[in-house]
Amino acid sequence: MMQLLVAFLKKHKYTYSEAENGLAALQAYQNPNLRHDFILMDMSMPVMDGMTATRAIRQYEQAYNVPRCCIIVLTGLASSSARLEAWSSGIDQYLTKPVNFQKLAEILGQEKERRFSVEDAKRDA
């Protein structure tokens, strides 16, 4: 799965970093030398699952006044309880596997447009 996502990101010219587990994803997000506009988060990861990592990222954003990052969860779980847990953890989008790459491209394009319009508004203020 990771190889397909990397190929997709390269094809669409997105810069990216990879994390092998939820704790590594959290630590990468907390690195002040890196900027993350979006995160593709798997719900089921070793060390720290995606929902725990998402909650920790949201807490970090609030504690340090960091602009909210778009978190897109990728999961094989389609149950309503899994969706509810994901939404309550603070995710922005929920995609089931196999990933619909056309839908992912739409979401990322919308997020990119939203970020540019927010940055333009800040500059103009």
PDB file of N, CA and C in Angstrom:
ATOM      1  N   MET A   1       0.824  -1.197   0.000  1.00  0.00           N
ATOM      2  CA  MET A   1       0.000   0.000   0.000  1.00  0.00           C
ATOM      3  C   MET A   1       0.870   1.263   0.000  1.00  0.00           C
ATOM      4  N   MET A   2       1.904   1.259   0.854  1.00  0.00           N
ATOM      5  CA  MET A   2       2.774   2.434   0.954  1.00  0.00           C
ATOM      6  C   MET A   2       3.410   2.742  -0.393  1.00  0.00           C
ATOM      7  N   GLN A   3       3.814   1.714  -1.135  1.00  0.00           N
ATOM      8  CA  GLN A   3       4.452   1.929  -2.437  1.00  0.00           C
ATOM      9  C   GLN A   3       3.499   2.610  -3.416  1.00  0.00           C
ATOM     10  N   LEU A   4       2.234   2.213  -3.385  1.00  0.00           N
ATOM     11  CA  LEU A   4       1.239   2.839  -4.272  1.00  0.00           C
ATOM     12  C   LEU A   4       1.024   4.300  -3.898  1.00  0.00           C
ATOM     13  N   LEU A   5       0.962   4.590  -2.603  1.00  0.00           N
ATOM     14  CA  LEU A   5       0.787   5.974  -2.164  1.00  0.00           C
ATOM     15  C   LEU A   5       1.989   6.831  -2.543  1.00  0.00           C
ATOM     16  N   VAL A   6       3.182   6.292  -2.377  1.00  0.00           N
ATOM     17  CA  VAL A   6       4.397   7.026  -2.747  1.00  0.00           C
ATOM     18  C   VAL A   6       4.393   7.315  -4.249  1.00  0.00           C
ATOM     19  N   ALA A   7       4.048   6.323  -5.060  1.00  0.00           N
ATOM     20  CA  ALA A   7       3.994   6.521  -6.510  1.00  0.00           C
ATOM     21  C   ALA A   7       2.964   7.593  -6.865  1.00  0.00           C
ATOM     22  N   PHE A   8       1.813   7.563  -6.206  1.00  0.00           N
ATOM     23  CA  PHE A   8       0.768   8.564  -6.429  1.00  0.00           C
ATOM     24  C   PHE A   8       1.274   9.962  -6.088  1.00  0.00           C
ATOM     25  N   LEU A   9       1.919  10.106  -4.923  1.00  0.00           N
ATOM     26  CA  LEU A   9       2.414  11.413  -4.488  1.00  0.00           C
ATOM     27  C   LEU A   9       3.499  11.938  -5.421  1.00  0.00           C
ATOM     28  N   LYS A  10       4.382  11.052  -5.862  1.00  0.00           N
ATOM     29  CA  LYS A  10       5.429  11.462  -6.808  1.00  0.00           C
ATOM     30  C   LYS A  10       4.814  11.913  -8.123  1.00  0.00           C
ATOM     31  N   LYS A  11       3.851  11.147  -8.620  1.00  0.00           N
ATOM     32  CA  LYS A  11       3.206  11.463  -9.886  1.00  0.00           C
ATOM     33  C   LYS A  11       2.550  12.842  -9.841  1.00  0.00           C
ATOM     34  N   HIS A  12       1.971  13.196  -8.696  1.00  0.00           N
ATOM     35  CA  HIS A  12       1.289  14.484  -8.546  1.00  0.00           C
ATOM     36  C   HIS A  12       2.197  15.572  -7.972  1.00  0.00           C
ATOM     37  N   LYS A  13       3.499  15.253  -7.896  1.00  0.00           N
ATOM     38  CA  LYS A  13       4.528  16.219  -7.475  1.00  0.00           C
ATOM     39  C   LYS A  13       4.328  16.782  -6.072  1.00  0.00           C
ATOM     40  N   TYR A  14       3.860  15.918  -5.148  1.00  0.00           N
ATOM     41  CA  TYR A  14       3.763  16.303  -3.747  1.00  0.00           C
ATOM     42  C   TYR A  14       5.053  15.903  -3.049  1.00  0.00           C
ATOM     43  N   THR A  15       5.547  16.762  -2.179  1.00  0.00           N
ATOM     44  CA  THR A  15       6.666  16.353  -1.328  1.00  0.00           C
ATOM     45  C   THR A  15       6.053  15.560  -0.173  1.00  0.00           C
ATOM     46  N   TYR A  16       6.793  14.604   0.339  1.00  0.00           N
ATOM     47  CA  TYR A  16       6.227  13.730   1.356  1.00  0.00           C
ATOM     48  C   TYR A  16       7.339  13.173   2.242  1.00  0.00           C
ATOM     49  N   SER A  17       6.929  12.679   3.380  1.00  0.00           N
ATOM     50  CA  SER A  17       7.811  11.891   4.237  1.00  0.00           C
ATOM     51  C   SER A  17       7.004  10.680   4.672  1.00  0.00           C
ATOM     52  N   GLU A  18       7.704   9.627   5.018  1.00  0.00           N
ATOM     53  CA  GLU A  18       7.046   8.383   5.396  1.00  0.00           C
ATOM     54  C   GLU A  18       7.295   8.081   6.862  1.00  0.00           C
ATOM     55  N   ALA A  19       6.328   7.434   7.494  1.00  0.00           N
ATOM     56  CA  ALA A  19       6.475   6.984   8.874  1.00  0.00           C
ATOM     57  C   ALA A  19       5.988   5.537   8.947  1.00  0.00           C
ATOM     58  N   GLU A  20       6.726   4.720   9.641  1.00  0.00           N
ATOM     59  CA  GLU A  20       6.399   3.298   9.723  1.00  0.00           C
ATOM     60  C   GLU A  20       5.318   2.985  10.755  1.00  0.00           C
ATOM     61  N   ASN A  21       5.059   3.927  11.668  1.00  0.00           N
ATOM     62  CA  ASN A  21       4.045   3.693  12.697  1.00  0.00           C
ATOM     63  C   ASN A  21       3.489   5.034  13.173  1.00  0.00           C
ATOM     64  N   GLY A  22       2.461   4.980  13.994  1.00  0.00           N
ATOM     65  CA  GLY A  22       1.806   6.196  14.451  1.00  0.00           C
ATOM     66  C   GLY A  22       2.690   7.093  15.290  1.00  0.00           C
ATOM     67  N   LEU A  23       3.543   6.517  16.118  1.00  0.00           N
ATOM     68  CA  LEU A  23       4.443   7.324  16.940  1.00  0.00           C
ATOM     69  C   LEU A  23       5.444   8.068  16.062  1.00  0.00           C
ATOM     70  N   ALA A  24       5.983   7.392  15.058  1.00  0.00           N
ATOM     71  CA  ALA A  24       6.913   8.048  14.125  1.00  0.00           C
ATOM     72  C   ALA A  24       6.205   9.162  13.352  1.00  0.00           C
ATOM     73  N   ALA A  25       4.939   8.962  13.010  1.00  0.00           N
ATOM     74  CA  ALA A  25       4.167   9.999  12.319  1.00  0.00           C
ATOM     75  C   ALA A  25       3.992  11.217  13.219  1.00  0.00           C
ATOM     76  N   LEU A  26       3.665  10.987  14.477  1.00  0.00           N
ATOM     77  CA  LEU A  26       3.516  12.083  15.433  1.00  0.00           C
ATOM     78  C   LEU A  26       4.828  12.841  15.594  1.00  0.00           C
ATOM     79  N   GLN A  27       5.920  12.124  15.748  1.00  0.00           N
ATOM     80  CA  GLN A  27       7.225  12.759  15.928  1.00  0.00           C
ATOM     81  C   GLN A  27       7.627  13.561  14.691  1.00  0.00           C
ATOM     82  N   ALA A  28       7.338  13.039  13.508  1.00  0.00           N
ATOM     83  CA  ALA A  28       7.638  13.774  12.273  1.00  0.00           C
ATOM     84  C   ALA A  28       6.803  15.048  12.212  1.00  0.00           C
ATOM     85  N   TYR A  29       5.552  14.959  12.621  1.00  0.00           N
ATOM     86  CA  TYR A  29       4.681  16.132  12.595  1.00  0.00           C
ATOM     87  C   TYR A  29       5.170  17.203  13.576  1.00  0.00           C
ATOM     88  N   GLN A  30       5.717  16.771  14.687  1.00  0.00           N
ATOM     89  CA  GLN A  30       6.196  17.701  15.712  1.00  0.00           C
ATOM     90  C   GLN A  30       7.556  18.308  15.376  1.00  0.00           C
ATOM     91  N   ASN A  31       8.210  17.825  14.334  1.00  0.00           N
ATOM     92  CA  ASN A  31       9.509  18.351  13.931  1.00  0.00           C
ATOM     93  C   ASN A  31       9.322  19.756  13.356  1.00  0.00           C
ATOM     94  N   PRO A  32       9.889  20.783  14.011  1.00  0.00           N
ATOM     95  CA  PRO A  32       9.675  22.157  13.536  1.00  0.00           C
ATOM     96  C   PRO A  32      10.335  22.458  12.194  1.00  0.00           C
ATOM     97  N   ASN A  33      11.217  21.594  11.724  1.00  0.00           N
ATOM     98  CA  ASN A  33      11.888  21.807  10.440  1.00  0.00           C
ATOM     99  C   ASN A  33      11.083  21.266   9.262  1.00  0.00           C
ATOM    100  N   LEU A  34       9.981  20.587   9.543  1.00  0.00           N
ATOM    101  CA  LEU A  34       9.130  20.032   8.493  1.00  0.00           C
ATOM    102  C   LEU A  34       7.763  20.697   8.543  1.00  0.00           C
ATOM    103  N   ARG A  35       7.169  20.892   7.367  1.00  0.00           N
ATOM    104  CA  ARG A  35       5.805  21.423   7.301  1.00  0.00           C
ATOM    105  C   ARG A  35       4.929  20.365   6.647  1.00  0.00           C
ATOM    106  N   HIS A  36       3.820  20.067   7.279  1.00  0.00           N
ATOM    107  CA  HIS A  36       2.899  19.070   6.744  1.00  0.00           C
ATOM    108  C   HIS A  36       1.561  19.734   6.455  1.00  0.00           C
ATOM    109  N   ASP A  37       1.164  19.727   5.191  1.00  0.00           N
ATOM    110  CA  ASP A  37      -0.130  20.275   4.806  1.00  0.00           C
ATOM    111  C   ASP A  37      -1.226  19.234   4.952  1.00  0.00           C
ATOM    112  N   PHE A  38      -0.858  17.980   4.785  1.00  0.00           N
ATOM    113  CA  PHE A  38      -1.816  16.891   4.971  1.00  0.00           C
ATOM    114  C   PHE A  38      -1.077  15.640   5.414  1.00  0.00           C
ATOM    115  N   ILE A  39      -1.834  14.749   6.031  1.00  0.00           N
ATOM    116  CA  ILE A  39      -1.295  13.466   6.487  1.00  0.00           C
ATOM    117  C   ILE A  39      -2.218  12.373   5.985  1.00  0.00           C
ATOM    118  N   LEU A  40      -1.632  11.354   5.391  1.00  0.00           N
ATOM    119  CA  LEU A  40      -2.371  10.147   5.040  1.00  0.00           C
ATOM    120  C   LEU A  40      -2.114   9.174   6.179  1.00  0.00           C
ATOM    121  N   MET A  41      -3.120   8.916   6.996  1.00  0.00           N
ATOM    122  CA  MET A  41      -2.968   8.152   8.231  1.00  0.00           C
ATOM    123  C   MET A  41      -3.687   6.818   8.125  1.00  0.00           C
ATOM    124  N   ASP A  42      -2.970   5.753   8.387  1.00  0.00           N
ATOM    125  CA  ASP A  42      -3.578   4.428   8.442  1.00  0.00           C
ATOM    126  C   ASP A  42      -4.130   4.220   9.848  1.00  0.00           C
ATOM    127  N   MET A  43      -5.329   3.673   9.970  1.00  0.00           N
ATOM    128  CA  MET A  43      -5.897   3.428  11.292  1.00  0.00           C
ATOM    129  C   MET A  43      -5.135   2.349  12.037  1.00  0.00           C
ATOM    130  N   SER A  44      -4.685   1.338  11.306  1.00  0.00           N
ATOM    131  CA  SER A  44      -4.049   0.173  11.936  1.00  0.00           C
ATOM    132  C   SER A  44      -2.547   0.210  11.695  1.00  0.00           C
ATOM    133  N   MET A  45      -1.817   0.683  12.701  1.00  0.00           N
ATOM    134  CA  MET A  45      -0.360   0.738  12.612  1.00  0.00           C
ATOM    135  C   MET A  45       0.231   0.206  13.904  1.00  0.00           C
ATOM    136  N   PRO A  46       1.465  -0.275  13.826  1.00  0.00           N
ATOM    137  CA  PRO A  46       2.115  -0.742  15.050  1.00  0.00           C
ATOM    138  C   PRO A  46       2.556   0.433  15.934  1.00  0.00           C
ATOM    139  N   VAL A  47       2.931   0.144  17.145  1.00  0.00           N
ATOM    140  CA  VAL A  47       3.447   1.066  18.153  1.00  0.00           C
ATOM    141  C   VAL A  47       2.356   2.028  18.633  1.00  0.00           C
ATOM    142  N   MET A  48       1.784   2.830  17.730  1.00  0.00           N
ATOM    143  CA  MET A  48       0.686   3.746  18.051  1.00  0.00           C
ATOM    144  C   MET A  48      -0.268   3.734  16.865  1.00  0.00           C
ATOM    145  N   ASP A  49      -1.541   3.397  17.110  1.00  0.00           N
ATOM    146  CA  ASP A  49      -2.485   3.331  16.000  1.00  0.00           C
ATOM    147  C   ASP A  49      -2.806   4.737  15.478  1.00  0.00           C
ATOM    148  N   GLY A  50      -3.425   4.783  14.320  1.00  0.00           N
ATOM    149  CA  GLY A  50      -3.691   6.047  13.655  1.00  0.00           C
ATOM    150  C   GLY A  50      -4.622   6.977  14.406  1.00  0.00           C
ATOM    151  N   MET A  51      -5.572   6.420  15.147  1.00  0.00           N
ATOM    152  CA  MET A  51      -6.500   7.282  15.878  1.00  0.00           C
ATOM    153  C   MET A  51      -5.814   7.930  17.081  1.00  0.00           C
ATOM    154  N   THR A  52      -4.965   7.174  17.756  1.00  0.00           N
ATOM    155  CA  THR A  52      -4.206   7.738  18.878  1.00  0.00           C
ATOM    156  C   THR A  52      -3.251   8.812  18.365  1.00  0.00           C
ATOM    157  N   ALA A  53      -2.590   8.534  17.250  1.00  0.00           N
ATOM    158  CA  ALA A  53      -1.676   9.513  16.649  1.00  0.00           C
ATOM    159  C   ALA A  53      -2.435  10.772  16.233  1.00  0.00           C
ATOM    160  N   THR A  54      -3.620  10.610  15.666  1.00  0.00           N
ATOM    161  CA  THR A  54      -4.429  11.763  15.250  1.00  0.00           C
ATOM    162  C   THR A  54      -4.816  12.613  16.450  1.00  0.00           C
ATOM    163  N   ARG A  55      -5.268  11.976  17.522  1.00  0.00           N
ATOM    164  CA  ARG A  55      -5.624  12.739  18.730  1.00  0.00           C
ATOM    165  C   ARG A  55      -4.412  13.508  19.263  1.00  0.00           C
ATOM    166  N   ALA A  56      -3.237  12.866  19.258  1.00  0.00           N
ATOM    167  CA  ALA A  56      -2.012  13.520  19.742  1.00  0.00           C
ATOM    168  C   ALA A  56      -1.623  14.691  18.841  1.00  0.00           C
ATOM    169  N   ILE A  57      -1.804  14.541  17.527  1.00  0.00           N
ATOM    170  CA  ILE A  57      -1.506  15.634  16.590  1.00  0.00           C
ATOM    171  C   ILE A  57      -2.441  16.808  16.856  1.00  0.00           C
ATOM    172  N   ARG A  58      -3.729  16.548  17.051  1.00  0.00           N
ATOM    173  CA  ARG A  58      -4.692  17.618  17.337  1.00  0.00           C
ATOM    174  C   ARG A  58      -4.358  18.321  18.660  1.00  0.00           C
ATOM    175  N   GLN A  59      -3.954  17.562  19.665  1.00  0.00           N
ATOM    176  CA  GLN A  59      -3.553  18.159  20.950  1.00  0.00           C
ATOM    177  C   GLN A  59      -2.318  19.040  20.764  1.00  0.00           C
ATOM    178  N   TYR A  60      -1.366  18.564  19.977  1.00  0.00           N
ATOM    179  CA  TYR A  60      -0.148  19.327  19.694  1.00  0.00           C
ATOM    180  C   TYR A  60      -0.491  20.638  18.986  1.00  0.00           C
ATOM    181  N   GLU A  61      -1.375  20.566  17.996  1.00  0.00           N
ATOM    182  CA  GLU A  61      -1.774  21.767  17.259  1.00  0.00           C
ATOM    183  C   GLU A  61      -2.384  22.808  18.199  1.00  0.00           C
ATOM    184  N   GLN A  62      -3.233  22.350  19.106  1.00  0.00           N
ATOM    185  CA  GLN A  62      -3.863  23.280  20.046  1.00  0.00           C
ATOM    186  C   GLN A  62      -2.847  23.843  21.034  1.00  0.00           C
ATOM    187  N   ALA A  63      -2.000  22.982  21.566  1.00  0.00           N
ATOM    188  CA  ALA A  63      -1.033  23.412  22.581  1.00  0.00           C
ATOM    189  C   ALA A  63      -0.029  24.419  22.035  1.00  0.00           C
ATOM    190  N   TYR A  64       0.354  24.257  20.771  1.00  0.00           N
ATOM    191  CA  TYR A  64       1.394  25.107  20.186  1.00  0.00           C
ATOM    192  C   TYR A  64       0.872  26.062  19.122  1.00  0.00           C
ATOM    193  N   ASN A  65      -0.459  26.196  19.036  1.00  0.00           N
ATOM    194  CA  ASN A  65      -1.091  27.112  18.085  1.00  0.00           C
ATOM    195  C   ASN A  65      -0.596  26.879  16.652  1.00  0.00           C
ATOM    196  N   VAL A  66      -0.542  25.624  16.280  1.00  0.00           N
ATOM    197  CA  VAL A  66      -0.116  25.225  14.938  1.00  0.00           C
ATOM    198  C   VAL A  66      -1.364  25.139  14.051  1.00  0.00           C
ATOM    199  N   PRO A  67      -1.320  25.684  12.834  1.00  0.00           N
ATOM    200  CA  PRO A  67      -2.485  25.573  11.937  1.00  0.00           C
ATOM    201  C   PRO A  67      -2.878  24.112  11.732  1.00  0.00           C
ATOM    202  N   ARG A  68      -4.164  23.865  11.715  1.00  0.00           N
ATOM    203  CA  ARG A  68      -4.686  22.501  11.599  1.00  0.00           C
ATOM    204  C   ARG A  68      -4.283  21.880  10.263  1.00  0.00           C
ATOM    205  N   CYS A  69      -3.725  20.700  10.358  1.00  0.00           N
ATOM    206  CA  CYS A  69      -3.324  19.908   9.196  1.00  0.00           C
ATOM    207  C   CYS A  69      -4.503  19.042   8.759  1.00  0.00           C
ATOM    208  N   CYS A  70      -4.650  18.812   7.483  1.00  0.00           N
ATOM    209  CA  CYS A  70      -5.696  17.926   6.969  1.00  0.00           C
ATOM    210  C   CYS A  70      -5.235  16.475   7.160  1.00  0.00           C
ATOM    211  N   ILE A  71      -5.990  15.706   7.938  1.00  0.00           N
ATOM    212  CA  ILE A  71      -5.655  14.298   8.164  1.00  0.00           C
ATOM    213  C   ILE A  71      -6.686  13.442   7.450  1.00  0.00           C
ATOM    214  N   ILE A  72      -6.184  12.618   6.544  1.00  0.00           N
ATOM    215  CA  ILE A  72      -7.021  11.712   5.761  1.00  0.00           C
ATOM    216  C   ILE A  72      -6.715  10.303   6.242  1.00  0.00           C
ATOM    217  N   VAL A  73      -7.713   9.652   6.802  1.00  0.00           N
ATOM    218  CA  VAL A  73      -7.493   8.297   7.296  1.00  0.00           C
ATOM    219  C   VAL A  73      -7.745   7.309   6.166  1.00  0.00           C
ATOM    220  N   LEU A  74      -6.870   6.319   6.084  1.00  0.00           N
ATOM    221  CA  LEU A  74      -6.992   5.232   5.111  1.00  0.00           C
ATOM    222  C   LEU A  74      -7.170   3.949   5.904  1.00  0.00           C
ATOM    223  N   THR A  75      -8.212   3.207   5.612  1.00  0.00           N
ATOM    224  CA  THR A  75      -8.483   2.032   6.420  1.00  0.00           C
ATOM    225  C   THR A  75      -9.233   0.956   5.645  1.00  0.00           C
ATOM    226  N   GLY A  76      -9.071  -0.250   6.104  1.00  0.00           N
ATOM    227  CA  GLY A  76      -9.840  -1.361   5.567  1.00  0.00           C
ATOM    228  C   GLY A  76     -11.149  -1.529   6.316  1.00  0.00           C
ATOM    229  N   LEU A  77     -11.324  -0.759   7.394  1.00  0.00           N
ATOM    230  CA  LEU A  77     -12.524  -0.859   8.222  1.00  0.00           C
ATOM    231  C   LEU A  77     -13.606   0.085   7.707  1.00  0.00           C
ATOM    232  N   ALA A  78     -14.759  -0.484   7.393  1.00  0.00           N
ATOM    233  CA  ALA A  78     -15.845   0.339   6.868  1.00  0.00           C
ATOM    234  C   ALA A  78     -17.017   0.422   7.840  1.00  0.00           C
ATOM    235  N   SER A  79     -16.867  -0.138   9.039  1.00  0.00           N
ATOM    236  CA  SER A  79     -17.971  -0.161   9.996  1.00  0.00           C
ATOM    237  C   SER A  79     -18.277   1.240  10.517  1.00  0.00           C
ATOM    238  N   SER A  80     -19.505   1.416  10.973  1.00  0.00           N
ATOM    239  CA  SER A  80     -19.897   2.717  11.505  1.00  0.00           C
ATOM    240  C   SER A  80     -19.135   3.034  12.784  1.00  0.00           C
ATOM    241  N   SER A  81     -18.784   2.023  13.577  1.00  0.00           N
ATOM    242  CA  SER A  81     -18.024   2.283  14.810  1.00  0.00           C
ATOM    243  C   SER A  81     -16.611   2.755  14.483  1.00  0.00           C
ATOM    244  N   ALA A  82     -15.999   2.206  13.435  1.00  0.00           N
ATOM    245  CA  ALA A  82     -14.663   2.649  13.018  1.00  0.00           C
ATOM    246  C   ALA A  82     -14.729   4.085  12.504  1.00  0.00           C
ATOM    247  N   ARG A  83     -15.759   4.393  11.737  1.00  0.00           N
ATOM    248  CA  ARG A  83     -15.931   5.764  11.233  1.00  0.00           C
ATOM    249  C   ARG A  83     -16.123   6.752  12.380  1.00  0.00           C
ATOM    250  N   LEU A  84     -16.954   6.372  13.341  1.00  0.00           N
ATOM    251  CA  LEU A  84     -17.217   7.243  14.482  1.00  0.00           C
ATOM    252  C   LEU A  84     -15.932   7.498  15.268  1.00  0.00           C
ATOM    253  N   GLU A  85     -15.153   6.449  15.500  1.00  0.00           N
ATOM    254  CA  GLU A  85     -13.889   6.622  16.221  1.00  0.00           C
ATOM    255  C   GLU A  85     -12.951   7.552  15.447  1.00  0.00           C
ATOM    256  N   ALA A  86     -12.890   7.380  14.141  1.00  0.00           N
ATOM    257  CA  ALA A  86     -12.026   8.227  13.313  1.00  0.00           C
ATOM    258  C   ALA A  86     -12.460   9.686  13.393  1.00  0.00           C
ATOM    259  N   TRP A  87     -13.738   9.960  13.201  1.00  0.00           N
ATOM    260  CA  TRP A  87     -14.231  11.338  13.242  1.00  0.00           C
ATOM    261  C   TRP A  87     -14.017  11.950  14.623  1.00  0.00           C
ATOM    262  N   SER A  88     -14.266  11.178  15.675  1.00  0.00           N
ATOM    263  CA  SER A  88     -14.102  11.728  17.024  1.00  0.00           C
ATOM    264  C   SER A  88     -12.636  11.931  17.382  1.00  0.00           C
ATOM    265  N   SER A  89     -11.731  11.283  16.660  1.00  0.00           N
ATOM    266  CA  SER A  89     -10.294  11.468  16.894  1.00  0.00           C
ATOM    267  C   SER A  89      -9.775  12.750  16.259  1.00  0.00           C
ATOM    268  N   GLY A  90     -10.528  13.286  15.295  1.00  0.00           N
ATOM    269  CA  GLY A  90     -10.132  14.553  14.683  1.00  0.00           C
ATOM    270  C   GLY A  90      -9.716  14.471  13.232  1.00  0.00           C
ATOM    271  N   ILE A  91     -10.074  13.390  12.548  1.00  0.00           N
ATOM    272  CA  ILE A  91      -9.712  13.285  11.136  1.00  0.00           C
ATOM    273  C   ILE A  91     -10.575  14.232  10.302  1.00  0.00           C
ATOM    274  N   ASP A  92     -10.106  14.510   9.085  1.00  0.00           N
ATOM    275  CA  ASP A  92     -10.849  15.384   8.179  1.00  0.00           C
ATOM    276  C   ASP A  92     -11.550  14.611   7.060  1.00  0.00           C
ATOM    277  N   GLN A  93     -10.952  13.512   6.641  1.00  0.00           N
ATOM    278  CA  GLN A  93     -11.517  12.699   5.554  1.00  0.00           C
ATOM    279  C   GLN A  93     -11.317  11.225   5.887  1.00  0.00           C
ATOM    280  N   TYR A  94     -12.228  10.384   5.419  1.00  0.00           N
ATOM    281  CA  TYR A  94     -12.205   8.947   5.698  1.00  0.00           C
ATOM    282  C   TYR A  94     -12.281   8.200   4.367  1.00  0.00           C
ATOM    283  N   LEU A  95     -11.232   7.460   4.026  1.00  0.00           N
ATOM    284  CA  LEU A  95     -11.219   6.677   2.788  1.00  0.00           C
ATOM    285  C   LEU A  95     -10.969   5.209   3.120  1.00  0.00           C
ATOM    286  N   THR A  96     -11.782   4.343   2.543  1.00  0.00           N
ATOM    287  CA  THR A  96     -11.576   2.916   2.755  1.00  0.00           C
ATOM    288  C   THR A  96     -10.660   2.354   1.669  1.00  0.00           C
ATOM    289  N   LYS A  97      -9.965   1.275   2.034  1.00  0.00           N
ATOM    290  CA  LYS A  97      -9.088   0.583   1.098  1.00  0.00           C
ATOM    291  C   LYS A  97      -9.920  -0.432   0.337  1.00  0.00           C
ATOM    292  N   PRO A  98      -9.620  -0.712  -0.900  1.00  0.00           N
ATOM    293  CA  PRO A  98      -8.527  -0.115  -1.660  1.00  0.00           C
ATOM    294  C   PRO A  98      -8.813   1.353  -1.927  1.00  0.00           C
ATOM    295  N   VAL A  99      -7.766   2.153  -1.872  1.00  0.00           N
ATOM    296  CA  VAL A  99      -7.903   3.602  -1.995  1.00  0.00           C
ATOM    297  C   VAL A  99      -8.346   3.981  -3.400  1.00  0.00           C
ATOM    298  N   ASN A 100      -9.333   4.843  -3.459  1.00  0.00           N
ATOM    299  CA  ASN A 100      -9.793   5.415  -4.713  1.00  0.00           C
ATOM    300  C   ASN A 100      -8.874   6.615  -4.980  1.00  0.00           C
ATOM    301  N   PHE A 101      -7.886   6.431  -5.842  1.00  0.00           N
ATOM    302  CA  PHE A 101      -6.882   7.469  -6.067  1.00  0.00           C
ATOM    303  C   PHE A 101      -7.464   8.717  -6.739  1.00  0.00           C
ATOM    304  N   GLN A 102      -8.520   8.566  -7.503  1.00  0.00           N
ATOM    305  CA  GLN A 102      -9.172   9.734  -8.093  1.00  0.00           C
ATOM    306  C   GLN A 102      -9.795  10.578  -6.979  1.00  0.00           C
ATOM    307  N   LYS A 103     -10.455   9.926  -6.029  1.00  0.00           N
ATOM    308  CA  LYS A 103     -11.054  10.638  -4.892  1.00  0.00           C
ATOM    309  C   LYS A 103      -9.954  11.290  -4.048  1.00  0.00           C
ATOM    310  N   LEU A 104      -8.848  10.579  -3.822  1.00  0.00           N
ATOM    311  CA  LEU A 104      -7.738  11.135  -3.054  1.00  0.00           C
ATOM    312  C   LEU A 104      -7.178  12.378  -3.753  1.00  0.00           C
ATOM    313  N   ALA A 105      -7.041  12.317  -5.064  1.00  0.00           N
ATOM    314  CA  ALA A 105      -6.547  13.475  -5.824  1.00  0.00           C
ATOM    315  C   ALA A 105      -7.490  14.668  -5.670  1.00  0.00           C
ATOM    316  N   GLU A 106      -8.807  14.414  -5.697  1.00  0.00           N
ATOM    317  CA  GLU A 106      -9.783  15.487  -5.510  1.00  0.00           C
ATOM    318  C   GLU A 106      -9.649  16.122  -4.128  1.00  0.00           C
ATOM    319  N   ILE A 107      -9.533  15.286  -3.105  1.00  0.00           N
ATOM    320  CA  ILE A 107      -9.415  15.784  -1.729  1.00  0.00           C
ATOM    321  C   ILE A 107      -8.154  16.629  -1.578  1.00  0.00           C
ATOM    322  N   LEU A 108      -7.041  16.128  -2.085  1.00  0.00           N
ATOM    323  CA  LEU A 108      -5.782  16.861  -1.958  1.00  0.00           C
ATOM    324  C   LEU A 108      -5.820  18.167  -2.751  1.00  0.00           C
ATOM    325  N   GLY A 109      -6.446  18.154  -3.917  1.00  0.00           N
ATOM    326  CA  GLY A 109      -6.585  19.370  -4.708  1.00  0.00           C
ATOM    327  C   GLY A 109      -7.431  20.404  -3.986  1.00  0.00           C
ATOM    328  N   GLN A 110      -8.534  19.969  -3.390  1.00  0.00           N
ATOM    329  CA  GLN A 110      -9.387  20.887  -2.628  1.00  0.00           C
ATOM    330  C   GLN A 110      -8.639  21.449  -1.425  1.00  0.00           C
ATOM    331  N   GLU A 111      -7.874  20.612  -0.750  1.00  0.00           N
ATOM    332  CA  GLU A 111      -7.106  21.059   0.414  1.00  0.00           C
ATOM    333  C   GLU A 111      -6.044  22.068  -0.001  1.00  0.00           C
ATOM    334  N   LYS A 112      -5.397  21.815  -1.128  1.00  0.00           N
ATOM    335  CA  LYS A 112      -4.375  22.739  -1.635  1.00  0.00           C
ATOM    336  C   LYS A 112      -4.998  24.101  -1.950  1.00  0.00           C
ATOM    337  N   GLU A 113      -6.148  24.091  -2.610  1.00  0.00           N
ATOM    338  CA  GLU A 113      -6.850  25.342  -2.921  1.00  0.00           C
ATOM    339  C   GLU A 113      -7.254  26.072  -1.647  1.00  0.00           C
ATOM    340  N   ARG A 114      -7.768  25.332  -0.664  1.00  0.00           N
ATOM    341  CA  ARG A 114      -8.188  25.931   0.602  1.00  0.00           C
ATOM    342  C   ARG A 114      -7.001  26.588   1.302  1.00  0.00           C
ATOM    343  N   ARG A 115      -5.877  25.908   1.328  1.00  0.00           N
ATOM    344  CA  ARG A 115      -4.685  26.450   1.994  1.00  0.00           C
ATOM    345  C   ARG A 115      -4.196  27.720   1.302  1.00  0.00           C
ATOM    346  N   PHE A 116      -4.188  27.715  -0.032  1.00  0.00           N
ATOM    347  CA  PHE A 116      -3.744  28.906  -0.757  1.00  0.00           C
ATOM    348  C   PHE A 116      -4.674  30.078  -0.503  1.00  0.00           C
ATOM    349  N   SER A 117      -5.991  29.836  -0.463  1.00  0.00           N
ATOM    350  CA  SER A 117      -6.934  30.929  -0.229  1.00  0.00           C
ATOM    351  C   SER A 117      -6.792  31.473   1.187  1.00  0.00           C
ATOM    352  N   VAL A 118      -6.515  30.614   2.161  1.00  0.00           N
ATOM    353  CA  VAL A 118      -6.293  31.059   3.543  1.00  0.00           C
ATOM    354  C   VAL A 118      -5.016  31.887   3.623  1.00  0.00           C
ATOM    355  N   GLU A 119      -3.944  31.418   2.967  1.00  0.00           N
ATOM    356  CA  GLU A 119      -2.687  32.156   2.982  1.00  0.00           C
ATOM    357  C   GLU A 119      -2.821  33.502   2.274  1.00  0.00           C
ATOM    358  N   ASP A 120      -3.568  33.537   1.166  1.00  0.00           N
ATOM    359  CA  ASP A 120      -3.813  34.805   0.461  1.00  0.00           C
ATOM    360  C   ASP A 120      -4.572  35.782   1.353  1.00  0.00           C
ATOM    361  N   ALA A 121      -5.577  35.283   2.076  1.00  0.00           N
ATOM    362  CA  ALA A 121      -6.365  36.141   2.967  1.00  0.00           C
ATOM    363  C   ALA A 121      -5.492  36.710   4.083  1.00  0.00           C
ATOM    364  N   LYS A 122      -4.601  35.905   4.618  1.00  0.00           N
ATOM    365  CA  LYS A 122      -3.685  36.378   5.678  1.00  0.00           C
ATOM    366  C   LYS A 122      -2.761  37.458   5.146  1.00  0.00           C
ATOM    367  N   ARG A 123      -2.251  37.254   3.912  1.00  0.00           N
ATOM    368  CA  ARG A 123      -1.339  38.234   3.306  1.00  0.00           C
ATOM    369  C   ARG A 123      -2.051  39.561   3.041  1.00  0.00           C
ATOM    370  N   ASP A 124      -3.314  39.460   2.604  1.00  0.00           N
ATOM    371  CA  ASP A 124      -4.073  40.666   2.260  1.00  0.00           C
ATOM    372  C   ASP A 124      -4.565  41.434   3.486  1.00  0.00           C
ATOM    373  N   ALA A 125      -4.611  40.767   4.640  1.00  0.00           N
ATOM    374  CA  ALA A 125      -5.152  41.415   5.866  1.00  0.00           C
ATOM    375  C   ALA A 125      -4.216  42.434   6.438  1.00  0.00           C
TER     376      ALA A 125
END
